[in-house]
């Protein structure tokens, strides 16, 4: 296939996609939702001008193109969510990452990343075709592999974000627990101590405390709000911490000593993890020492003797 033919095929695909988007989004082809059907019958109407609304945050740097494709992606995600069995697990992961996105927004981002991989693969194939190195099998493998790589890369980025956020929460936990212990020992209740800690500190764990306080102030019982965070978090120290708060609130047990003990346990666990990491890195340092430095030392030590033997011979 020549470069002119490959360019013509690419332009035809772009033109076909544009015509398809134009036809599909015509008013008489769009399905009317229940909210759109009953909205004219409602007495209360939202008279706020759309010019005063907050602009929708774009997920990509292509603003106009994203606004054109957003309805199509939303419809596709709504349809595919019917067959998705991992929505609950994904919602839990998004909550662990502290992301305000819904599962549909995240799936749309994954599709956008897959689309970026697809476009990149098509560009690479077009460049190779222009150079006269076109192969149909390579085209299929490159396009499918790049799309899957983009889709899975978004999931990997989410996992790394969860790990970094949980590491920050564990590093903040001992200090916040001791602050809560001081507030409780001074006569504050569990919720009052948490509120004081939230107002006097910042970070990922403070943001979670603020969510718990907001749930409690909105009418949810404090033990239920604390258990809600325990179900979102998968860090054993934090789960034990909030379980201890639940027991203290429900049964009135002393809390200051428990908080100090949990803070000390987390610091001890951090020290043990640091020692284990140092041990693993010490073993890893043996590889260049054994295979790099030691052979050179043997060569430098043995070379004078070998040279002396050659001279004597």
Foldseek 3Di string as FASTA:
>chain_A
DALVVLVVVVVVVVVVVVVVLVVCPDPVNDDDDPCNVCVVVDPDDDPDDPVPDDDDDDPDPPVVVCVSCVVVLLVVLVVCVVVDPCQVVVVLLCVLLVHPDHPSVLVSQLQVLLVVLLVVLSVVQSVCNNVVNHDPVCSVCSNVVSSVCSNVVSVVVSVVSSVVQVVFCLVCQLVLLLQLLVVVVVPDANLRSLVVSLVVDDGSVSVLSVQLNVVCVVPDPSLVSLVVVLVSDDDVLSVVLSVLSSCCVVPVDDDSVVSNVSSVVSVVVVVVVVVVVVVVVVVVVVVCCVPPVVVVVVCVVCVVVVVVVVVVD
